[in-house]
């Protein structure tokens, strides 16, 4: 079986969906009788976009399309470069009049995939390429939908809705990273073959932590009894601006507690200002860390907060639970499917009170989370994924 896996992102900025897809690729490549090639669509800014963004020393646009392969953890990514144009950005991101910003450039890659048995695709540009490949060569494709591509984009962009519907209905199979995300897709179309497919934690979390909790806290200069953290992008979809409110409520009840925020993003400065305004002094910001640095931080926590506005199934919940770290969060996406409904709360007027009360309860009682379900084991994921691939190919061969 010869599979091409397509995703979108940057090997220099590994987070979120990239890490989730990367984990699946590593496990697929380890299987016998499966040949896997991986392609990564990456963007380089046009000269006008660079001028507006004041990025005067970007990637060399003449060299960019020729840059070939980037290897991470034994996975070789074949880079497919598209130009990020100002007009496309305005039409797609600002005015919401275009579904895919680089859509007109995607057709150039179709012929690369004519000799594969199947395409496995993870982001909207990749899925559109797979659709074009199927139209031209009849090669089947299987999609995986990760979160905002179902929860958000189709409902804020009419063209995005149409393209998402087109892809779901034309894919040979659609995976969703949580049950709830799959149910949300029914608002777009009830047609198409669908099922949920959980990921497992990143491999590094399957091994014992490298350092003890005490060692890491000493390194971080944290001496309080409790440490509560947030790990993720500092952006609006993660609802990070409620963190100071949660911190303050916890501190009113438990004084011997510190907080740590791991990540960066557009709201970082605004978040720091709010924390200063609340006079919360025992908050440490680490900035963005490489995936390999996160396990030590995770192991030092007593509790992880996840107050997101939307999610598919955040990998960070699986990683926390793998290390025995309790998680409390919002009742969105697949968060409750991993951490339990008792630890998830609706984003209503009582959200801050409810999530903070549960956080305090867990800390005071020293509660530990339940073990992850077997559905979150990589063995289960791979068995389910490969079963679908084989059925898709058997159907193709019988036609």
Protein backbone atom coordinates (compact mmCIF):
# COMPACT_ATOMS: atom_id res chain seq x y z
CA UNK A 1 0.00 0.00 0.00
CA UNK A 2 1.53 3.29 -1.12
CA UNK A 3 0.11 6.28 0.76
CA UNK A 4 0.76 9.98 0.35
CA UNK A 5 0.06 12.02 3.48
CA UNK A 6 -0.53 15.74 2.99
CA UNK A 7 -0.62 18.36 5.69
CA UNK A 8 -0.13 22.10 6.05
CA UNK A 9 2.11 23.93 8.48
CA UNK A 10 5.73 24.66 9.26
CA UNK A 11 8.49 22.39 10.52
CA UNK A 12 9.93 25.47 12.25
CA UNK A 13 6.76 26.08 14.27
CA UNK A 14 5.56 22.71 15.50
CA UNK A 15 2.32 22.87 17.45
CA UNK A 16 -1.31 21.76 17.52
CA UNK A 17 -2.40 19.93 14.38
CA UNK A 18 1.16 19.54 13.12
CA UNK A 19 2.16 17.57 16.23
CA UNK A 20 -0.98 15.43 16.08
CA UNK A 21 -0.42 14.54 12.42
CA UNK A 22 3.29 13.99 13.02
CA UNK A 23 2.51 11.41 15.70
CA UNK A 24 0.20 9.47 13.42
CA UNK A 25 2.73 9.52 10.59
CA UNK A 26 5.46 8.07 12.83
CA UNK A 27 3.25 5.14 13.78
CA UNK A 28 2.04 4.52 10.23
CA UNK A 29 5.59 4.46 8.90
CA UNK A 30 6.45 1.73 11.40
CA UNK A 31 3.92 -0.66 9.88
CA UNK A 32 4.95 -3.40 7.47
CA UNK A 33 3.61 -3.44 3.91
CA UNK A 34 2.87 0.29 4.07
CA UNK A 35 4.92 2.82 2.11
CA UNK A 36 4.38 6.37 3.29
CA UNK A 37 5.49 9.63 1.68
CA UNK A 38 4.73 12.88 3.46
CA UNK A 39 4.10 16.27 1.84
CA UNK A 40 3.82 19.59 3.63
CA UNK A 41 2.28 22.67 2.03
CA UNK A 42 4.15 25.74 3.21
CA UNK A 43 3.71 29.42 2.42
CA UNK A 44 6.16 32.16 1.62
CA UNK A 45 5.03 35.80 1.59
CA UNK A 46 4.83 37.79 -1.63
CA UNK A 47 6.94 40.95 -1.81
CA UNK A 48 3.86 43.12 -1.15
CA UNK A 49 2.87 41.05 1.86
CA UNK A 50 6.41 41.30 3.21
CA UNK A 51 6.31 45.05 2.75
CA UNK A 52 3.03 45.39 4.66
CA UNK A 53 4.20 43.07 7.43
CA UNK A 54 7.60 44.77 7.53
CA UNK A 55 9.37 41.47 7.05
CA UNK A 56 12.30 42.51 4.94
CA UNK A 57 14.45 39.41 5.38
CA UNK A 58 12.10 36.52 4.74
CA UNK A 59 12.70 33.20 3.08
CA UNK A 60 14.22 33.72 -0.37
CA UNK A 61 11.21 33.53 -2.69
CA UNK A 62 13.34 32.42 -5.63
CA UNK A 63 14.81 29.58 -3.60
CA UNK A 64 11.69 28.66 -1.64
CA UNK A 65 9.88 26.61 -4.30
CA UNK A 66 13.05 24.53 -4.77
CA UNK A 67 13.58 23.68 -1.13
CA UNK A 68 13.07 19.97 -0.91
CA UNK A 69 12.94 17.87 2.24
CA UNK A 70 12.89 18.55 5.98
CA UNK A 71 13.36 15.60 8.35
CA UNK A 72 12.03 15.49 11.94
CA UNK A 73 12.13 12.38 14.15
CA UNK A 74 12.80 10.22 11.12
CA UNK A 75 9.84 11.64 9.17
CA UNK A 76 10.84 13.32 5.91
CA UNK A 77 8.54 16.14 4.80
CA UNK A 78 8.60 17.03 1.12
CA UNK A 79 7.89 20.74 1.07
CA UNK A 80 5.40 22.11 -1.46
CA UNK A 81 5.68 25.89 -1.52
CA UNK A 82 2.89 28.32 -2.43
CA UNK A 83 3.06 32.09 -2.49
CA UNK A 84 1.09 33.92 0.20
CA UNK A 85 -0.36 36.85 -1.72
CA UNK A 86 -1.81 39.99 -0.16
CA UNK A 87 -5.00 39.91 -2.25
CA UNK A 88 -5.65 36.25 -1.37
CA UNK A 89 -5.16 36.99 2.32
CA UNK A 90 -7.64 39.88 2.20
CA UNK A 91 -10.25 37.91 0.26
CA UNK A 92 -10.03 34.78 2.41
CA UNK A 93 -9.11 35.90 5.93
CA UNK A 94 -10.46 39.45 6.13
CA UNK A 95 -13.45 39.60 3.78
CA UNK A 96 -14.28 35.85 3.97
CA UNK A 97 -15.03 35.82 0.22
CA UNK A 98 -12.57 33.07 -0.73
CA UNK A 99 -12.33 29.56 0.69
CA UNK A 100 -8.60 28.81 0.32
CA UNK A 101 -6.09 31.64 0.03
CA UNK A 102 -3.73 29.79 -2.31
CA UNK A 103 -6.38 27.83 -4.22
CA UNK A 104 -5.27 28.86 -7.71
CA UNK A 105 -1.78 27.47 -7.05
CA UNK A 106 -2.80 24.02 -5.83
CA UNK A 107 -3.47 22.50 -9.23
CA UNK A 108 0.25 22.49 -10.02
CA UNK A 109 0.77 19.64 -7.52
CA UNK A 110 -1.88 17.22 -8.82
CA UNK A 111 0.43 15.17 -11.03
CA UNK A 112 2.77 14.45 -8.10
CA UNK A 113 0.22 12.00 -6.72
CA UNK A 114 -0.83 9.99 -9.76
CA UNK A 115 1.11 6.88 -8.72
CA UNK A 116 -0.18 6.56 -5.16
CA UNK A 117 -2.83 4.08 -4.01
CA UNK A 118 -4.42 6.49 -1.55
CA UNK A 119 -4.11 10.03 -0.21
CA UNK A 120 -4.52 10.85 3.49
CA UNK A 121 -5.11 14.59 3.94
CA UNK A 122 -5.35 16.88 6.97
CA UNK A 123 -5.93 20.56 6.05
CA UNK A 124 -8.26 22.30 3.62
CA UNK A 125 -5.61 23.03 0.93
CA UNK A 126 -4.45 19.40 1.09
CA UNK A 127 -8.01 18.15 0.90
CA UNK A 128 -8.69 20.26 -2.16
CA UNK A 129 -5.59 18.86 -3.86
CA UNK A 130 -6.82 15.34 -3.04
CA UNK A 131 -10.20 16.20 -4.54
CA UNK A 132 -8.50 17.37 -7.75
CA UNK A 133 -6.34 14.24 -7.85
CA UNK A 134 -9.42 12.05 -7.53
CA UNK A 135 -11.19 13.96 -10.29
CA UNK A 136 -8.23 13.52 -12.66
CA UNK A 137 -6.82 10.10 -11.72
CA UNK A 138 -9.55 8.42 -9.68
CA UNK A 139 -7.24 7.95 -6.69
CA UNK A 140 -9.23 7.68 -3.42
CA UNK A 141 -8.64 10.01 -0.49
CA UNK A 142 -9.35 9.91 3.23
CA UNK A 143 -9.65 13.14 5.22
CA UNK A 144 -9.03 13.93 8.86
CA UNK A 145 -10.80 16.98 10.32
CA UNK A 146 -9.08 18.47 13.35
CA UNK A 147 -11.17 21.29 14.85
CA UNK A 148 -11.56 24.81 13.50
CA UNK A 149 -11.81 23.39 9.97
CA UNK A 150 -15.27 22.11 11.04
CA UNK A 151 -16.15 24.15 14.14
CA UNK A 152 -15.33 27.61 12.79
CA UNK A 153 -14.26 28.11 9.18
CA UNK A 154 -17.34 26.74 7.36
CA UNK A 155 -19.63 28.94 9.48
CA UNK A 156 -17.78 32.23 8.98
CA UNK A 157 -16.99 31.79 5.29
CA UNK A 158 -19.71 30.89 2.77
CA UNK A 159 -17.21 29.67 0.19
CA UNK A 160 -15.45 27.70 2.91
CA UNK A 161 -18.78 26.04 3.76
CA UNK A 162 -19.30 25.01 0.12
CA UNK A 163 -15.79 23.62 -0.25
CA UNK A 164 -15.94 21.77 3.07
CA UNK A 165 -19.26 20.21 2.04
CA UNK A 166 -17.83 19.27 -1.36
CA UNK A 167 -14.84 17.54 0.20
CA UNK A 168 -16.79 15.65 2.89
CA UNK A 169 -19.22 14.31 0.29
CA UNK A 170 -16.50 13.35 -2.22
CA UNK A 171 -13.98 11.86 0.19
CA UNK A 172 -13.89 8.08 0.33
CA UNK A 173 -13.91 8.39 4.11
CA UNK A 174 -13.86 11.18 6.69
CA UNK A 175 -12.21 10.88 10.10
CA UNK A 176 -12.92 13.40 12.87
CA UNK A 177 -10.65 13.73 15.90
CA UNK A 178 -13.64 13.60 18.28
CA UNK A 179 -17.23 12.39 18.33
CA UNK A 180 -18.53 15.90 18.88
CA UNK A 181 -16.62 17.24 15.88
CA UNK A 182 -18.17 14.49 13.77
CA UNK A 183 -21.65 15.47 14.96
CA UNK A 184 -20.92 19.13 14.20
CA UNK A 185 -20.07 18.17 10.62
CA UNK A 186 -23.69 17.06 10.18
CA UNK A 187 -24.60 20.76 10.22
CA UNK A 188 -22.59 21.04 6.99
CA UNK A 189 -23.73 17.80 5.39
CA UNK A 190 -25.04 14.44 6.61
CA UNK A 191 -23.71 12.80 3.47
CA UNK A 192 -20.34 11.11 3.25
CA UNK A 193 -18.80 8.27 5.23
CA UNK A 194 -17.79 9.39 8.73
CA UNK A 195 -16.30 8.12 11.97
CA UNK A 196 -14.23 9.53 14.80
CA UNK A 197 -10.55 8.61 15.19
CA UNK A 198 -8.71 9.51 18.36
CA UNK A 199 -4.98 10.09 18.48
CA UNK A 200 -2.68 8.83 21.17
CA UNK A 201 -0.34 11.02 23.22
CA UNK A 202 2.97 12.00 21.65
CA UNK A 203 5.50 9.18 21.99
CA UNK A 204 7.62 11.13 24.44
CA UNK A 205 4.75 10.93 26.97
CA UNK A 206 4.69 7.16 26.76
CA UNK A 207 8.00 7.05 28.64
CA UNK A 208 8.65 8.10 32.26
CA UNK A 209 9.48 11.79 32.71
CA UNK A 210 13.15 12.65 32.33
CA UNK A 211 13.23 14.77 35.50
CA UNK A 212 11.31 14.75 38.76
CA UNK A 213 8.66 17.28 39.67
CA UNK A 214 10.89 18.71 42.41
CA UNK A 215 13.85 19.12 40.04
CA UNK A 216 11.83 21.00 37.43
CA UNK A 217 10.22 23.27 40.01
CA UNK A 218 13.64 24.15 41.36
CA UNK A 219 14.76 24.93 37.82
CA UNK A 220 11.69 27.16 37.36
CA UNK A 221 12.28 28.77 40.78
CA UNK A 222 8.84 27.73 42.01
CA UNK A 223 8.54 26.98 45.73
CA UNK A 224 4.76 26.91 46.29
CA UNK A 225 2.88 23.73 47.17
CA UNK A 226 0.76 23.82 44.02
CA UNK A 227 1.47 24.69 40.38
CA UNK A 228 -1.35 25.30 37.91
CA UNK A 229 -0.63 25.69 34.22
CA UNK A 230 -1.85 26.55 30.76
CA UNK A 231 -0.08 25.15 27.69
CA UNK A 232 -1.10 26.36 24.25
CA UNK A 233 -1.33 29.23 21.82
CA UNK A 234 -2.06 32.62 23.40
CA UNK A 235 -4.90 33.41 21.00
CA UNK A 236 -8.60 34.21 21.25
CA UNK A 237 -9.87 30.72 20.33
CA UNK A 238 -8.10 29.39 23.45
CA UNK A 239 -10.04 31.88 25.62
CA UNK A 240 -6.82 32.85 27.39
CA UNK A 241 -8.12 36.18 28.68
CA UNK A 242 -10.15 34.37 31.35
CA UNK A 243 -7.01 32.86 32.88
CA UNK A 244 -6.33 35.83 35.23
CA UNK A 245 -9.91 35.59 36.52
CA UNK A 246 -9.49 31.87 37.22
CA UNK A 247 -6.13 32.48 38.85
CA UNK A 248 -7.62 35.13 41.13
CA UNK A 249 -10.50 32.91 42.25
CA UNK A 250 -8.11 30.05 43.01
CA UNK A 251 -5.80 32.37 44.97
CA UNK A 252 -8.70 33.61 47.10
CA UNK A 253 -9.12 30.06 48.35
CA UNK A 254 -5.60 28.58 48.10
CA UNK A 255 -2.71 30.95 48.77
CA UNK A 256 0.18 28.53 48.32
CA UNK A 257 -0.10 28.26 44.53
CA UNK A 258 1.82 29.46 41.47
CA UNK A 259 0.83 29.58 37.82
CA UNK A 260 2.74 28.92 34.63
CA UNK A 261 1.76 29.88 31.08
CA UNK A 262 3.52 28.09 28.22
CA UNK A 263 3.17 29.44 24.69
CA UNK A 264 2.99 32.62 22.69
CA UNK A 265 0.56 34.42 20.42
CA UNK A 266 -1.17 37.68 19.60
CA UNK A 267 -2.78 38.08 23.03
CA UNK A 268 0.37 37.56 25.10
CA UNK A 269 1.01 41.23 25.88
CA UNK A 270 -2.67 41.85 26.62
CA UNK A 271 -2.73 38.84 28.94
CA UNK A 272 0.33 40.08 30.83
CA UNK A 273 -1.28 43.50 31.28
CA UNK A 274 -4.43 41.94 32.76
CA UNK A 275 -2.38 39.82 35.17
CA UNK A 276 -0.51 42.94 36.31
CA UNK A 277 -3.82 44.78 36.70
CA UNK A 278 -5.06 41.97 38.97
CA UNK A 279 -1.78 42.15 40.94
CA UNK A 280 -1.16 38.42 40.54
CA UNK A 281 2.57 38.14 41.07
CA UNK A 282 3.29 34.42 41.08
CA UNK A 283 2.79 33.83 37.34
CA UNK A 284 5.65 32.55 35.17
CA UNK A 285 5.67 32.93 31.37
CA UNK A 286 7.98 30.56 29.49
CA UNK A 287 7.21 31.72 25.95
CA UNK A 288 7.03 29.20 23.15
CA UNK A 289 8.84 25.93 23.82
CA UNK A 290 9.78 23.09 21.49
CA UNK A 291 7.62 19.95 21.85
CA UNK A 292 10.58 18.14 23.45
CA UNK A 293 10.66 20.70 26.29
CA UNK A 294 6.99 20.41 27.25
CA UNK A 295 7.05 17.04 29.11
CA UNK A 296 9.20 18.40 31.94
CA UNK A 297 6.81 21.34 32.38
CA UNK A 298 3.81 19.02 32.25
CA UNK A 299 5.30 16.74 34.89
CA UNK A 300 5.75 19.70 37.25
CA UNK A 301 2.03 20.59 37.24
CA UNK A 302 -0.69 19.75 39.73
CA UNK A 303 -3.43 20.89 37.35
CA UNK A 304 -3.84 21.98 33.72
CA UNK A 305 -6.42 24.56 32.61
CA UNK A 306 -8.06 24.45 29.18
CA UNK A 307 -10.82 27.11 28.85
CA UNK A 308 -11.02 27.03 25.02
CA UNK A 309 -13.89 28.46 22.99
CA UNK A 310 -13.53 25.69 20.39
CA UNK A 311 -11.52 22.49 20.04
CA UNK A 312 -11.37 19.27 18.10
CA UNK A 313 -9.62 17.04 20.59
CA UNK A 314 -6.61 18.83 22.10
CA UNK A 315 -3.53 16.63 22.28
CA UNK A 316 -2.45 18.44 25.45
CA UNK A 317 -5.25 16.74 27.40
CA UNK A 318 -3.94 13.29 26.46
CA UNK A 319 -0.41 14.31 27.36
CA UNK A 320 -1.48 15.66 30.74
CA UNK A 321 -3.46 12.55 31.60
CA UNK A 322 -0.54 10.34 30.52
CA UNK A 323 1.52 12.01 33.23
CA UNK A 324 -1.26 11.82 35.82
CA UNK A 325 -2.02 15.55 35.67
CA UNK A 326 -5.72 16.43 36.12
CA UNK A 327 -7.32 18.76 33.56
CA UNK A 328 -10.32 21.06 33.88
CA UNK A 329 -11.73 22.84 30.87
CA UNK A 330 -14.63 24.11 28.85
CA UNK A 331 -17.37 21.85 27.54
CA UNK A 332 -16.47 22.24 23.86
CA UNK A 333 -15.26 19.89 21.16
CA UNK A 334 -13.85 16.60 22.35
CA UNK A 335 -12.39 17.88 25.63
CA UNK A 336 -14.95 15.96 27.71
CA UNK A 337 -14.22 12.78 25.72
CA UNK A 338 -10.74 12.66 27.18
CA UNK A 339 -10.95 14.35 30.61
CA UNK A 340 -14.52 13.45 31.56
CA UNK A 341 -17.75 15.44 31.67
CA UNK A 342 -17.31 16.11 35.40
CA UNK A 343 -14.29 18.27 34.57
CA UNK A 344 -15.88 20.28 31.76
CA UNK A 345 -18.12 23.32 32.09
CA UNK A 346 -20.36 25.27 29.75
CA UNK A 347 -19.19 28.67 28.58
CA UNK A 348 -22.02 30.54 30.30
CA UNK A 349 -22.25 33.17 33.03
CA UNK A 350 -21.20 30.60 35.65
CA UNK A 351 -18.18 29.29 33.75
CA UNK A 352 -15.52 31.08 35.79
CA UNK A 353 -17.09 30.05 39.08
CA UNK A 354 -17.61 26.43 38.00
CA UNK A 355 -14.18 25.77 36.50
CA UNK A 356 -12.41 27.50 39.40
CA UNK A 357 -14.42 25.61 42.03
CA UNK A 358 -13.55 22.31 40.37
CA UNK A 359 -9.87 23.31 40.13
CA UNK A 360 -9.80 24.14 43.85
CA UNK A 361 -11.53 20.85 44.68
CA UNK A 362 -8.97 18.83 42.73
CA UNK A 363 -6.02 20.64 44.32
CA UNK A 364 -7.32 20.42 47.89
CA UNK A 365 -8.26 16.73 47.57
CA UNK A 366 -5.14 15.72 45.64
CA UNK A 367 -7.32 14.09 42.98
CA UNK A 368 -5.70 12.12 40.18
CA UNK A 369 -7.32 11.62 36.77
CA UNK A 370 -8.74 8.38 35.48
CA UNK A 371 -6.61 6.35 33.10
CA UNK A 372 -7.03 7.09 29.42
CA UNK A 373 -9.47 4.84 27.59
CA UNK A 374 -8.02 2.17 25.28
CA UNK A 375 -9.52 4.19 22.43
CA UNK A 376 -6.62 6.63 22.92
CA UNK A 377 -3.96 3.96 22.46
CA UNK A 378 -1.97 4.17 19.24
CA UNK A 379 -2.64 0.49 18.60
CA UNK A 380 -6.37 1.19 18.55
CA UNK A 381 -5.96 4.23 16.32
CA UNK A 382 -3.79 2.42 13.79
CA UNK A 383 -6.05 -0.62 13.66
CA UNK A 384 -9.06 1.57 12.94
CA UNK A 385 -7.22 3.74 10.43
CA UNK A 386 -5.72 0.85 8.47
CA UNK A 387 -9.03 -0.98 8.43
CA UNK A 388 -10.61 1.97 6.65
CA UNK A 389 -7.72 2.30 4.17
CA UNK A 390 -7.96 -1.38 3.25
CA UNK A 391 -11.73 -1.21 2.77
CA UNK A 392 -11.39 1.88 0.58
CA UNK A 393 -8.78 0.18 -1.62
CA UNK A 394 -10.76 -3.08 -1.81
CA UNK A 395 -13.76 -1.09 -3.00
CA UNK A 396 -11.64 0.64 -5.64
CA UNK A 397 -10.24 -2.66 -6.89
CA UNK A 398 -13.71 -4.19 -7.18
CA UNK A 399 -15.01 -1.38 -9.39
